[in-house]
Amino acid sequence: MSDPVNEPKLSTLSKLAIGLAIAGFIFSFTSSSNVTLNGVSTCSHTDYAKLVFGGLAIMIGGLGEVAALRLQATRVPNLLASGGASVAGIFLVLVGAGVIGGPC
């Protein structure tokens, strides 16, 4: 069993999930197109960096949630950190896919 006094506050998975979510808010690699045909305009917008970093934040955040359940003293902070990173990842994926925000 691990020593609760020397146990780190946040696990490596929680820190990684938070870092990926932050990177998703910082980096951007977009592709946009706007086409008008016979008076009908269609618009497409994708941010690939947000899709990648958001998806990774969701995945690593989920793994962090599972790992946090095995911890004793720092279970709640790790659950909150991993869960928050997963929620941020969901938001990033929606922004990256053009569902929320974007020029369209």
C-alpha atoms as a PDB file:
ATOM      1  CA  MET A   1       0.000   0.000   0.000  1.00  0.00           C
ATOM      2  CA  SER A   2       1.176   3.519  -0.704  1.00  0.00           C
ATOM      3  CA  ASP A   3       1.994   5.957   2.047  1.00  0.00           C
ATOM      4  CA  PRO A   4      -0.741   8.673   2.073  1.00  0.00           C
ATOM      5  CA  VAL A   5       1.673  11.263   3.442  1.00  0.00           C
ATOM      6  CA  ASN A   6       4.136  10.898   0.558  1.00  0.00           C
ATOM      7  CA  GLU A   7       1.470  10.338  -2.099  1.00  0.00           C
ATOM      8  CA  PRO A   8       1.525  13.122  -4.725  1.00  0.00           C
ATOM      9  CA  LYS A   9      -1.448  15.482  -4.762  1.00  0.00           C
ATOM     10  CA  LEU A  10      -2.258  14.899  -8.445  1.00  0.00           C
ATOM     11  CA  SER A  11      -1.461  11.746 -10.349  1.00  0.00           C
ATOM     12  CA  THR A  12       0.509  11.764 -13.593  1.00  0.00           C
ATOM     13  CA  LEU A  13      -2.632  10.977 -15.600  1.00  0.00           C
ATOM     14  CA  SER A  14      -4.484  13.922 -14.055  1.00  0.00           C
ATOM     15  CA  LYS A  15      -1.591  16.278 -14.799  1.00  0.00           C
ATOM     16  CA  LEU A  16      -1.310  14.978 -18.365  1.00  0.00           C
ATOM     17  CA  ALA A  17      -5.053  15.380 -18.977  1.00  0.00           C
ATOM     18  CA  ILE A  18      -4.946  18.973 -17.691  1.00  0.00           C
ATOM     19  CA  GLY A  19      -1.902  19.717 -19.868  1.00  0.00           C
ATOM     20  CA  LEU A  20      -3.608  18.342 -22.972  1.00  0.00           C
ATOM     21  CA  ALA A  21      -6.738  20.391 -22.301  1.00  0.00           C
ATOM     22  CA  ILE A  22      -4.654  23.555 -21.837  1.00  0.00           C
ATOM     23  CA  ALA A  23      -2.740  22.804 -25.048  1.00  0.00           C
ATOM     24  CA  GLY A  24      -6.079  22.504 -26.851  1.00  0.00           C
ATOM     25  CA  PHE A  25      -6.985  26.035 -25.810  1.00  0.00           C
ATOM     26  CA  ILE A  26      -3.566  27.393 -26.848  1.00  0.00           C
ATOM     27  CA  PHE A  27      -2.884  25.727 -30.209  1.00  0.00           C
ATOM     28  CA  SER A  28      -4.984  26.054 -33.338  1.00  0.00           C
ATOM     29  CA  PHE A  29      -4.738  24.531 -36.820  1.00  0.00           C
ATOM     30  CA  THR A  30      -7.873  25.403 -38.766  1.00  0.00           C
ATOM     31  CA  SER A  31      -9.438  24.741 -42.120  1.00  0.00           C
ATOM     32  CA  SER A  32     -12.378  26.833 -43.343  1.00  0.00           C
ATOM     33  CA  SER A  33     -14.287  26.991 -46.591  1.00  0.00           C
ATOM     34  CA  ASN A  34     -17.221  29.021 -47.796  1.00  0.00           C
ATOM     35  CA  VAL A  35     -18.950  28.056 -51.048  1.00  0.00           C
ATOM     36  CA  THR A  36     -21.873  29.840 -52.746  1.00  0.00           C
ATOM     37  CA  LEU A  37     -23.691  27.973 -55.508  1.00  0.00           C
ATOM     38  CA  ASN A  38     -26.921  29.314 -57.045  1.00  0.00           C
ATOM     39  CA  GLY A  39     -27.374  31.716 -54.158  1.00  0.00           C
ATOM     40  CA  VAL A  40     -27.024  29.003 -51.515  1.00  0.00           C
ATOM     41  CA  SER A  41     -24.056  29.475 -49.214  1.00  0.00           C
ATOM     42  CA  THR A  42     -22.422  26.613 -47.311  1.00  0.00           C
ATOM     43  CA  CYS A  43     -19.675  26.989 -44.744  1.00  0.00           C
ATOM     44  CA  SER A  44     -17.316  24.458 -43.213  1.00  0.00           C
ATOM     45  CA  HIS A  45     -14.910  25.043 -40.321  1.00  0.00           C
ATOM     46  CA  THR A  46     -12.637  22.514 -38.588  1.00  0.00           C
ATOM     47  CA  ASP A  47      -9.900  23.052 -36.005  1.00  0.00           C
ATOM     48  CA  TYR A  48      -7.751  19.946 -36.084  1.00  0.00           C
ATOM     49  CA  ALA A  49      -5.616  20.894 -33.059  1.00  0.00           C
ATOM     50  CA  LYS A  50      -8.696  21.255 -30.871  1.00  0.00           C
ATOM     51  CA  LEU A  51     -10.050  17.926 -32.111  1.00  0.00           C
ATOM     52  CA  VAL A  52      -6.795  16.093 -31.364  1.00  0.00           C
ATOM     53  CA  PHE A  53      -5.995  17.704 -28.013  1.00  0.00           C
ATOM     54  CA  GLY A  54      -9.650  17.555 -26.922  1.00  0.00           C
ATOM     55  CA  GLY A  55      -9.936  13.874 -27.809  1.00  0.00           C
ATOM     56  CA  LEU A  56      -6.713  13.071 -25.981  1.00  0.00           C
ATOM     57  CA  ALA A  57      -7.868  15.069 -22.938  1.00  0.00           C
ATOM     58  CA  ILE A  58     -11.105  13.064 -22.871  1.00  0.00           C
ATOM     59  CA  MET A  59      -9.253   9.756 -23.170  1.00  0.00           C
ATOM     60  CA  ILE A  60      -6.504  10.492 -20.632  1.00  0.00           C
ATOM     61  CA  GLY A  61      -9.008  12.172 -18.307  1.00  0.00           C
ATOM     62  CA  GLY A  62     -11.132   9.022 -18.359  1.00  0.00           C
ATOM     63  CA  LEU A  63      -8.101   6.897 -17.557  1.00  0.00           C
ATOM     64  CA  GLY A  64      -7.274   9.336 -14.747  1.00  0.00           C
ATOM     65  CA  GLU A  65     -10.779   8.913 -13.344  1.00  0.00           C
ATOM     66  CA  VAL A  66     -10.369   5.137 -13.214  1.00  0.00           C
ATOM     67  CA  ALA A  67      -6.901   5.428 -11.653  1.00  0.00           C
ATOM     68  CA  ALA A  68      -8.162   7.954  -9.084  1.00  0.00           C
ATOM     69  CA  LEU A  69     -10.650   5.438  -7.729  1.00  0.00           C
ATOM     70  CA  ARG A  70      -7.725   3.342  -6.461  1.00  0.00           C
ATOM     71  CA  LEU A  71      -6.191   6.225  -4.494  1.00  0.00           C
ATOM     72  CA  GLN A  72      -6.926   6.759  -0.825  1.00  0.00           C
ATOM     73  CA  ALA A  73      -5.881  10.201   0.404  1.00  0.00           C
ATOM     74  CA  THR A  74      -6.027  12.125  -2.882  1.00  0.00           C
ATOM     75  CA  ARG A  75      -9.051  10.543  -4.546  1.00  0.00           C
ATOM     76  CA  VAL A  76     -11.256  13.651  -4.689  1.00  0.00           C
ATOM     77  CA  PRO A  77      -8.679  16.102  -6.118  1.00  0.00           C
ATOM     78  CA  ASN A  78      -7.724  13.589  -8.803  1.00  0.00           C
ATOM     79  CA  LEU A  79     -11.349  12.880  -9.679  1.00  0.00           C
ATOM     80  CA  LEU A  80     -12.043  16.607  -9.987  1.00  0.00           C
ATOM     81  CA  ALA A  81      -8.904  17.281 -12.054  1.00  0.00           C
ATOM     82  CA  SER A  82      -9.447  14.374 -14.447  1.00  0.00           C
ATOM     83  CA  GLY A  83     -13.174  15.071 -14.720  1.00  0.00           C
ATOM     84  CA  GLY A  84     -12.580  18.756 -15.398  1.00  0.00           C
ATOM     85  CA  ALA A  85     -10.037  17.925 -18.090  1.00  0.00           C
ATOM     86  CA  SER A  86     -12.528  15.522 -19.688  1.00  0.00           C
ATOM     87  CA  VAL A  87     -15.260  18.178 -19.706  1.00  0.00           C
ATOM     88  CA  ALA A  88     -12.826  20.687 -21.210  1.00  0.00           C
ATOM     89  CA  GLY A  89     -11.926  18.039 -23.800  1.00  0.00           C
ATOM     90  CA  ILE A  90     -15.575  17.624 -24.761  1.00  0.00           C
ATOM     91  CA  PHE A  91     -15.854  21.391 -25.208  1.00  0.00           C
ATOM     92  CA  LEU A  92     -12.681  21.422 -27.330  1.00  0.00           C
ATOM     93  CA  VAL A  93     -13.985  18.644 -29.592  1.00  0.00           C
ATOM     94  CA  LEU A  94     -17.253  20.524 -30.124  1.00  0.00           C
ATOM     95  CA  VAL A  95     -15.373  23.730 -30.955  1.00  0.00           C
ATOM     96  CA  GLY A  96     -12.965  21.851 -33.220  1.00  0.00           C
ATOM     97  CA  ALA A  97     -15.811  20.247 -35.137  1.00  0.00           C
ATOM     98  CA  GLY A  98     -17.452  23.641 -35.637  1.00  0.00           C
ATOM     99  CA  VAL A  99     -20.526  22.844 -33.537  1.00  0.00           C
ATOM    100  CA  ILE A 100     -19.780  25.643 -31.039  1.00  0.00           C
ATOM    101  CA  GLY A 101     -18.300  28.944 -32.198  1.00  0.00           C
ATOM    102  CA  GLY A 102     -16.396  29.272 -35.421  1.00  0.00           C
ATOM    103  CA  PRO A 103     -17.090  31.592 -38.351  1.00  0.00           C
ATOM    104  CA  CYS A 104     -20.048  29.592 -39.684  1.00  0.00           C
END
